[in-house]
Amino acid sequence: PPSIYPFSIQNSLHLGERIGLQCIVTKGDPPLAITWLKDDQPINELPNLTMKSLGEYSSTLMIEQLSTAHSGRYTCTARNAAASAAHTNREPFLVSIENVSRPTERAEAALGSPLSFLPFYALFLACSHSSNFAVPPEITPFHFQELTEGARVQVQCIVQRGDLPLNITWMKNYEPLVTDHNNHIHITDFNTYSSILTIGSVSLYHRGNYTCLARNPARMVSHTSQLKISGNVHTHTFICPYILVQVIVDVEIGRGQPAELRAGKPPNNPAPLLLLPKSLPPEWLTEPKDTSAIAGHPVGLHCQADGFPTPKTTWRKAPGKHPAHFAPINSRDGLVTVLNNGTLLIRSVLEEHEGYYLCEANNGIGAGLSAVVFLTVNGKYISYEKILR
């Protein structure tokens, strides 16, 4: 019978933005019939809506321009000769009536700061030339669920807002990623605003961090998600009738997975046998995010992970305007410090601090975690010295 990979819809979307939904059948024999419903009714009559099948096992629903008519619950159904399956987004999808294409938002996006925080001359510049600012891209977050070997997976990188022209590319572990038929990796451009990454049969080879990059004349942005492959769950039974011992199990035990331990207890030894995990790969406690700061003020880029052994957190910075060739950060001037909790602290932000930063958390178990963020430094466009000249 079919099995559908769950999808969800973020509720922070507005009139005029774009959204895409993917229905992926991870298990089930062909032929398959995949259909979409909205509020349990066919959705063929909705405006600005496109449905497209990508192979036998997936269907993508794209709404090019959101309106209030698109609010509701969306259901994907998959049927084959054995049975049928369906998945519906948990919460009703609501489109905010606030429109995001106001000129002030274009100016704020280009200057990297709310207009209310800019000096009067920059405010005048923004108001005078807001029509010429390109709105930077914004990617709708995507995520991988934990998968087993042999499953199919597909994620879609959608630029929900941002001016054309757009260029969308993919990376794996921060190396360029292209279609690779030998390893069941396929990249498909759905339309101008979205790209789809498909892995036909997941294996341990595919573990790692996958990044979508979106670039337009205003800026390059990125979103990264980690693909994890779960193996067999190992459980061991130990019988110790005479003595109390402490056992470190020589297998990996995932968080939340069951482990059984039974110990014989002699009358004079009521203590139980202890089961300790050998290793736990890192997982995010605080995932890094894009941040903005005012020149001359302090700022912290947060990055914190948990695991066993305790992960080591390192920061690196890209030397140019692209998220590549990351190098260690120079902290000799005392302005930049990495705190014990993984936060990168810049005590007084300078223009040279703007750019892409890479945080990595590793403990030698699994692929580790990594995330690329962009630090925007405001107040660098016009200086008082230039105004006085």
Protein backbone atom coordinates (compact mmCIF):
# COMPACT_ATOMS: atom_id res chain seq x y z
CA PRO A 1 0.00 0.00 0.00
CA PRO A 2 1.10 3.63 -0.50
CA SER A 3 2.78 5.70 2.22
CA ILE A 4 2.88 9.51 1.94
CA TYR A 5 5.74 11.67 3.21
CA PRO A 6 4.08 14.26 5.52
CA PHE A 7 4.00 17.90 4.42
CA SER A 8 3.11 21.07 6.30
CA ILE A 9 2.34 24.70 5.46
CA GLN A 10 3.79 27.70 7.28
CA ASN A 11 1.24 30.29 8.34
CA SER A 12 3.46 33.37 7.96
CA LEU A 13 2.55 33.91 4.31
CA HIS A 14 0.90 36.96 2.79
CA LEU A 15 -1.04 38.08 -0.26
CA GLY A 16 1.01 37.88 -3.44
CA GLU A 17 3.64 35.45 -2.13
CA ARG A 18 4.39 32.02 -3.58
CA ILE A 19 4.00 28.60 -1.99
CA GLY A 20 4.53 25.02 -3.07
CA LEU A 21 3.34 21.71 -1.61
CA GLN A 22 4.86 18.33 -2.36
CA CYS A 23 3.13 14.98 -2.14
CA ILE A 24 5.75 12.21 -2.15
CA VAL A 25 4.84 8.53 -2.04
CA THR A 26 7.80 7.00 -0.17
CA LYS A 27 6.47 3.44 -0.38
CA GLY A 28 3.98 1.69 -2.64
CA ASP A 29 3.94 -0.10 -5.95
CA PRO A 30 2.98 1.57 -9.23
CA PRO A 31 0.80 2.41 -10.96
CA LEU A 32 -0.14 5.23 -8.58
CA ALA A 33 -2.86 7.86 -8.88
CA ILE A 34 -2.02 11.04 -6.92
CA THR A 35 -4.68 13.75 -6.50
CA TRP A 36 -5.11 16.98 -4.51
CA LEU A 37 -8.11 18.29 -2.56
CA LYS A 38 -8.82 21.57 -0.74
CA ASP A 39 -11.34 21.34 2.09
CA ASP A 40 -12.27 17.90 0.69
CA GLN A 41 -13.14 19.35 -2.71
CA PRO A 42 -11.29 19.30 -6.07
CA ILE A 43 -9.03 22.33 -6.47
CA ASN A 44 -8.87 22.65 -10.23
CA GLU A 45 -10.82 25.93 -10.22
CA LEU A 46 -8.51 27.90 -7.91
CA PRO A 47 -6.62 30.82 -9.52
CA ASN A 48 -2.83 30.95 -10.04
CA LEU A 49 -2.45 27.26 -9.26
CA THR A 50 -0.34 24.66 -11.05
CA MET A 51 -0.09 20.91 -10.45
CA LYS A 52 2.76 18.91 -11.91
CA SER A 53 3.82 15.26 -11.62
CA LEU A 54 7.53 14.54 -11.29
CA GLY A 55 7.82 10.86 -12.07
CA GLU A 56 5.52 8.13 -10.82
CA TYR A 57 5.85 8.86 -7.12
CA SER A 58 5.37 12.59 -6.58
CA SER A 59 3.13 15.52 -7.37
CA THR A 60 3.79 19.21 -6.69
CA LEU A 61 1.14 21.87 -6.20
CA MET A 62 2.39 25.43 -6.80
CA ILE A 63 0.44 28.63 -6.04
CA GLU A 64 2.15 31.46 -7.91
CA GLN A 65 0.32 34.33 -6.19
CA LEU A 66 -1.51 33.78 -2.91
CA SER A 67 -4.99 35.18 -2.33
CA THR A 68 -7.54 34.68 0.43
CA ALA A 69 -9.25 32.05 -1.75
CA HIS A 70 -6.26 29.77 -1.13
CA SER A 71 -6.82 29.55 2.64
CA GLY A 72 -7.93 26.15 3.92
CA ARG A 73 -6.86 22.53 4.41
CA TYR A 74 -5.01 20.73 1.62
CA THR A 75 -5.09 16.95 1.19
CA CYS A 76 -3.00 14.68 -1.00
CA THR A 77 -4.33 11.20 -1.79
CA ALA A 78 -2.38 8.34 -3.32
CA ARG A 79 -4.03 5.18 -4.60
CA ASN A 80 -2.77 1.95 -6.14
CA ALA A 81 -4.21 -1.53 -6.64
CA ALA A 82 -3.55 -2.47 -3.01
CA ALA A 83 -5.01 0.50 -1.07
CA SER A 84 -5.17 4.26 -0.75
CA ALA A 85 -3.51 6.76 1.62
CA ALA A 86 -4.05 10.46 2.37
CA HIS A 87 -2.31 13.27 4.21
CA THR A 88 -3.77 16.64 5.25
CA ASN A 89 -1.95 19.64 6.73
CA ARG A 90 -2.72 19.73 10.46
CA GLU A 91 -3.72 23.38 10.87
CA PRO A 92 -5.91 25.32 8.42
CA PHE A 93 -3.73 27.38 6.12
CA LEU A 94 -4.53 31.12 6.44
CA VAL A 95 -3.30 33.80 4.04
CA SER A 96 -2.63 37.11 5.76
CA ILE A 97 -4.37 40.04 4.09
CA GLU A 98 -1.24 42.17 4.56
CA ASN A 99 0.49 42.73 1.24
CA VAL A 100 4.28 42.58 1.28
CA SER A 101 5.02 44.64 -1.82
CA ARG A 102 4.88 48.11 -0.24
CA PRO A 103 7.66 50.49 -1.38
CA THR A 104 8.87 50.99 2.20
CA GLU A 105 9.47 47.27 2.51
CA ARG A 106 11.48 47.31 -0.69
CA ALA A 107 13.63 50.11 0.75
CA GLU A 108 14.03 48.38 4.10
CA ALA A 109 14.95 45.11 2.42
CA ALA A 110 17.60 46.80 0.31
CA LEU A 111 19.08 48.90 3.13
CA GLY A 112 18.91 46.04 5.60
CA SER A 113 17.28 48.12 8.35
CA PRO A 114 13.84 49.46 9.31
CA LEU A 115 13.47 53.00 7.96
CA SER A 116 12.64 54.29 11.44
CA PHE A 117 16.22 53.45 12.54
CA LEU A 118 17.99 55.19 9.65
CA PRO A 119 19.30 58.79 9.80
CA PHE A 120 17.32 61.39 7.90
CA TYR A 121 19.62 61.48 4.87
CA ALA A 122 19.40 57.71 4.42
CA LEU A 123 15.63 57.91 4.89
CA PHE A 124 15.46 60.54 2.16
CA LEU A 125 17.56 58.32 -0.09
CA ALA A 126 15.32 55.32 0.57
CA CYS A 127 12.11 57.23 -0.12
CA SER A 128 13.52 58.84 -3.24
CA HIS A 129 14.79 55.64 -4.83
CA SER A 130 12.72 52.82 -3.33
CA SER A 131 11.33 51.90 -6.73
CA ASN A 132 14.88 51.04 -7.86
CA PHE A 133 15.63 48.63 -4.99
CA ALA A 134 15.53 44.93 -5.76
CA VAL A 135 13.78 42.85 -3.10
CA PRO A 136 16.18 40.14 -1.87
CA PRO A 137 15.07 36.50 -2.08
CA GLU A 138 13.45 34.69 0.82
CA ILE A 139 13.38 30.88 0.87
CA THR A 140 10.49 28.91 2.34
CA PRO A 141 12.14 26.57 4.89
CA PHE A 142 12.23 22.87 3.97
CA HIS A 143 13.13 19.92 6.18
CA PHE A 144 14.02 16.24 5.88
CA GLN A 145 12.37 13.74 8.16
CA GLU A 146 14.54 10.89 9.40
CA LEU A 147 14.50 8.20 6.72
CA THR A 148 15.35 4.53 6.38
CA GLU A 149 17.51 3.10 3.62
CA GLY A 150 15.67 2.50 0.36
CA ALA A 151 13.03 5.21 0.92
CA ARG A 152 12.31 7.95 -1.61
CA VAL A 153 12.62 11.60 -0.62
CA GLN A 154 11.98 14.91 -2.32
CA VAL A 155 12.31 18.51 -1.10
CA GLN A 156 11.42 21.71 -2.88
CA CYS A 157 13.31 25.00 -2.59
CA ILE A 158 10.76 27.77 -3.12
CA VAL A 159 11.62 31.47 -3.25
CA GLN A 160 8.44 32.86 -1.70
CA ARG A 161 9.41 36.47 -2.39
CA GLY A 162 12.14 38.32 -4.25
CA ASP A 163 12.62 40.07 -7.57
CA LEU A 164 13.75 38.49 -10.83
CA PRO A 165 16.11 37.37 -12.23
CA LEU A 166 16.62 34.47 -9.81
CA ASN A 167 19.29 31.78 -9.83
CA ILE A 168 18.66 28.68 -7.66
CA THR A 169 21.38 26.08 -7.03
CA TRP A 170 22.03 23.22 -4.56
CA MET A 171 24.97 22.11 -2.41
CA LYS A 172 25.67 19.02 -0.31
CA ASN A 173 27.99 19.59 2.64
CA TYR A 174 28.77 22.96 1.03
CA GLU A 175 30.01 21.46 -2.21
CA PRO A 176 28.12 22.04 -5.50
CA LEU A 177 25.43 19.41 -6.13
CA VAL A 178 24.08 18.47 -9.56
CA THR A 179 22.02 15.63 -10.98
CA ASP A 180 23.82 12.32 -10.42
CA HIS A 181 21.94 9.38 -11.93
CA ASN A 182 24.41 6.84 -10.56
CA ASN A 183 23.52 7.89 -7.00
CA HIS A 184 19.80 8.44 -7.66
CA ILE A 185 20.04 12.24 -7.25
CA HIS A 186 17.89 14.39 -9.52
CA ILE A 187 17.54 18.19 -9.55
CA THR A 188 14.60 19.63 -11.47
CA ASP A 189 13.71 23.28 -12.08
CA PHE A 190 9.98 23.40 -11.44
CA ASN A 191 9.58 27.02 -12.55
CA THR A 192 11.35 30.37 -12.22
CA TYR A 193 10.87 30.43 -8.44
CA SER A 194 11.52 26.86 -7.35
CA SER A 195 13.82 23.86 -7.70
CA ILE A 196 13.20 20.27 -6.60
CA LEU A 197 15.77 17.86 -5.18
CA THR A 198 14.82 14.17 -5.48
CA ILE A 199 16.67 11.12 -4.14
CA GLY A 200 15.16 7.99 -5.63
CA SER A 201 16.57 5.48 -3.14
CA VAL A 202 18.15 6.77 0.06
CA SER A 203 21.36 5.15 1.36
CA LEU A 204 24.06 6.04 3.87
CA TYR A 205 25.85 7.82 1.02
CA HIS A 206 23.15 10.51 1.05
CA ARG A 207 23.59 11.54 4.69
CA GLY A 208 24.64 15.15 5.14
CA ASN A 209 23.62 18.79 4.94
CA TYR A 210 21.75 19.97 1.85
CA THR A 211 21.68 23.68 1.05
CA CYS A 212 19.57 25.62 -1.41
CA LEU A 213 21.06 28.91 -2.65
CA ALA A 214 18.90 31.64 -4.18
CA ARG A 215 20.49 34.69 -5.75
CA ASN A 216 19.15 37.85 -7.38
CA PRO A 217 20.68 41.32 -7.96
CA ALA A 218 19.98 42.27 -4.32
CA ARG A 219 21.53 39.36 -2.39
CA MET A 220 22.25 35.66 -2.10
CA VAL A 221 20.40 33.71 0.63
CA SER A 222 20.49 30.07 1.65
CA HIS A 223 18.63 27.43 3.66
CA THR A 224 20.19 24.19 4.94
CA SER A 225 18.58 21.00 6.20
CA GLN A 226 20.22 17.81 7.43
CA LEU A 227 19.28 14.42 5.96
CA LYS A 228 19.61 11.60 8.52
CA ILE A 229 19.48 7.90 7.79
CA SER A 230 18.29 5.65 10.60
CA GLY A 231 19.56 2.07 10.81
CA ASN A 232 18.30 -0.92 12.73
CA VAL A 233 17.53 -0.37 16.40
CA HIS A 234 19.79 -2.57 18.53
CA THR A 235 18.53 -3.92 21.84
CA HIS A 236 20.54 -6.17 24.12
CA THR A 237 19.49 -8.27 27.08
CA PHE A 238 22.05 -8.90 29.81
CA ILE A 239 21.53 -11.28 32.72
CA CYS A 240 23.83 -10.71 35.69
CA PRO A 241 22.69 -12.89 38.60
CA TYR A 242 25.61 -12.40 40.98
CA ILE A 243 27.27 -9.00 40.73
CA LEU A 244 26.40 -5.39 39.91
CA VAL A 245 28.13 -4.19 36.76
CA GLN A 246 28.02 -1.05 34.62
CA VAL A 247 27.72 -1.74 30.90
CA ILE A 248 28.52 0.59 28.01
CA VAL A 249 26.70 -0.88 25.03
CA ASP A 250 28.81 -1.18 21.90
CA VAL A 251 26.05 -0.08 19.53
CA GLU A 252 24.57 3.28 18.66
CA ILE A 253 21.25 4.05 20.36
CA GLY A 254 19.23 6.94 18.93
CA ARG A 255 17.34 9.46 21.01
CA GLY A 256 13.91 8.19 21.93
CA GLN A 257 14.59 4.64 20.69
CA PRO A 258 13.90 1.70 23.00
CA ALA A 259 16.63 -0.25 24.75
CA GLU A 260 15.83 -3.28 26.88
CA LEU A 261 17.92 -4.34 29.83
CA ARG A 262 17.15 -7.08 32.34
CA ALA A 263 19.34 -7.94 35.30
CA GLY A 264 19.08 -10.74 37.79
CA LYS A 265 19.15 -9.33 41.33
CA PRO A 266 20.49 -11.42 44.20
CA PRO A 267 18.97 -10.67 47.63
CA ASN A 268 21.92 -8.54 48.75
CA ASN A 269 22.16 -6.54 45.52
CA PRO A 270 19.02 -4.51 44.73
CA ALA A 271 20.76 -2.10 42.34
CA PRO A 272 19.86 -2.34 38.63
CA LEU A 273 22.21 -2.76 35.72
CA LEU A 274 22.95 0.51 33.90
CA LEU A 275 22.64 1.01 30.12
CA LEU A 276 24.60 3.90 28.71
CA PRO A 277 24.64 5.01 25.04
CA LYS A 278 27.99 4.77 23.33
CA SER A 279 27.36 7.79 21.13
CA LEU A 280 24.75 10.31 20.08
CA PRO A 281 25.22 12.50 16.99
CA PRO A 282 24.83 16.28 17.37
CA GLU A 283 21.40 17.88 17.26
CA TRP A 284 20.52 21.57 17.35
CA LEU A 285 19.65 23.29 20.60
CA THR A 286 19.93 26.74 18.99
CA GLU A 287 20.20 26.71 15.21
CA PRO A 288 21.99 29.76 13.70
CA LYS A 289 19.88 32.35 11.89
CA ASP A 290 20.51 35.37 9.66
CA THR A 291 21.15 38.41 11.85
CA SER A 292 21.45 42.16 11.40
CA ALA A 293 23.37 44.64 13.54
CA ILE A 294 24.11 48.35 13.71
CA ALA A 295 27.71 49.40 13.09
CA GLY A 296 29.54 50.03 16.34
CA HIS A 297 27.16 47.87 18.41
CA PRO A 298 27.71 44.32 19.71
CA VAL A 299 26.03 41.30 18.11
CA GLY A 300 25.91 37.59 18.84
CA LEU A 301 25.48 34.77 16.30
CA HIS A 302 24.06 31.86 18.26
CA CYS A 303 24.99 28.24 17.53
CA GLN A 304 24.48 25.53 20.15
CA ALA A 305 24.30 21.74 19.74
CA ASP A 306 23.91 18.76 22.04
CA GLY A 307 25.24 15.20 21.69
CA PHE A 308 27.47 12.54 23.23
CA PRO A 309 30.38 13.14 23.31
CA THR A 310 29.76 16.89 23.61
CA PRO A 311 30.03 18.46 20.13
CA LYS A 312 32.75 20.99 19.39
CA THR A 313 31.49 24.23 17.81
CA THR A 314 33.62 26.12 15.28
CA TRP A 315 32.94 29.27 13.25
CA ARG A 316 34.35 30.27 9.88
CA LYS A 317 33.69 33.20 7.53
CA ALA A 318 33.54 33.44 3.74
CA PRO A 319 36.06 35.99 2.38
CA GLY A 320 33.83 37.35 -0.38
CA LYS A 321 30.18 37.88 -1.18
CA HIS A 322 29.40 34.21 -1.76
CA PRO A 323 29.00 31.38 0.79
CA ALA A 324 32.16 29.50 -0.23
CA HIS A 325 35.84 29.08 0.73
CA PHE A 326 35.13 29.58 4.44
CA ALA A 327 38.24 30.38 6.49
CA PRO A 328 38.99 30.66 10.23
CA ILE A 329 37.96 33.95 11.81
CA ASN A 330 40.67 36.35 12.92
CA SER A 331 40.14 37.01 16.63
CA ARG A 332 43.52 38.57 17.43
CA ASP A 333 42.07 42.09 17.70
CA GLY A 334 39.78 40.97 20.52
CA LEU A 335 36.61 42.08 18.71
CA VAL A 336 35.49 38.53 17.91
CA THR A 337 35.13 35.78 20.50
CA VAL A 338 33.52 32.32 20.51
CA LEU A 339 31.78 31.77 23.86
CA ASN A 340 31.56 28.43 25.66
CA ASN A 341 27.93 27.98 24.53
CA GLY A 342 28.93 28.29 20.85
CA THR A 343 27.85 31.91 20.34
CA LEU A 344 30.08 34.02 18.09
CA LEU A 345 30.28 37.41 19.84
CA ILE A 346 31.38 40.52 17.95
CA ARG A 347 31.91 43.26 20.52
CA SER A 348 31.80 46.18 18.09
CA VAL A 349 30.49 45.49 14.59
CA LEU A 350 32.44 46.92 11.66
CA GLU A 351 31.55 47.03 8.00
CA GLU A 352 34.10 44.27 7.32
CA HIS A 353 32.14 41.90 9.58
CA GLU A 354 29.24 41.73 7.12
CA GLY A 355 29.06 38.50 5.16
CA TYR A 356 28.44 34.76 5.32
CA TYR A 357 29.37 32.74 8.40
CA LEU A 358 29.52 28.95 8.76
CA CYS A 359 28.91 27.27 12.12
CA GLU A 360 29.83 23.59 12.46
CA ALA A 361 29.11 21.26 15.38
CA ASN A 362 30.88 17.88 15.36
CA ASN A 363 31.64 15.15 17.85
CA GLY A 364 32.91 12.49 15.43
CA ILE A 365 29.52 10.75 15.30
CA GLY A 366 27.55 10.94 12.05
CA ALA A 367 27.78 13.77 9.53
CA GLY A 368 27.73 16.54 12.13
CA LEU A 369 25.72 19.75 11.87
CA SER A 370 26.44 22.91 9.92
CA ALA A 371 24.57 26.06 8.98
CA VAL A 372 25.38 29.14 6.90
CA VAL A 373 24.01 32.51 8.01
CA PHE A 374 24.37 36.07 6.76
CA LEU A 375 25.26 39.00 9.01
CA THR A 376 24.00 42.35 7.74
CA VAL A 377 25.74 45.47 9.04
CA ASN A 378 23.48 48.52 8.91
CA GLY A 379 24.64 52.11 8.72
CA LYS A 380 27.48 51.44 6.31
CA TYR A 381 25.97 52.89 3.21
CA ILE A 382 26.45 56.59 4.01
CA SER A 383 28.81 57.98 6.64
CA TYR A 384 28.68 61.33 8.37
CA GLU A 385 32.13 62.13 6.97
CA LYS A 386 30.79 61.83 3.44
CA ILE A 387 27.83 64.08 4.29
CA LEU A 388 30.17 66.81 5.65
CA ARG A 389 32.41 66.85 2.57
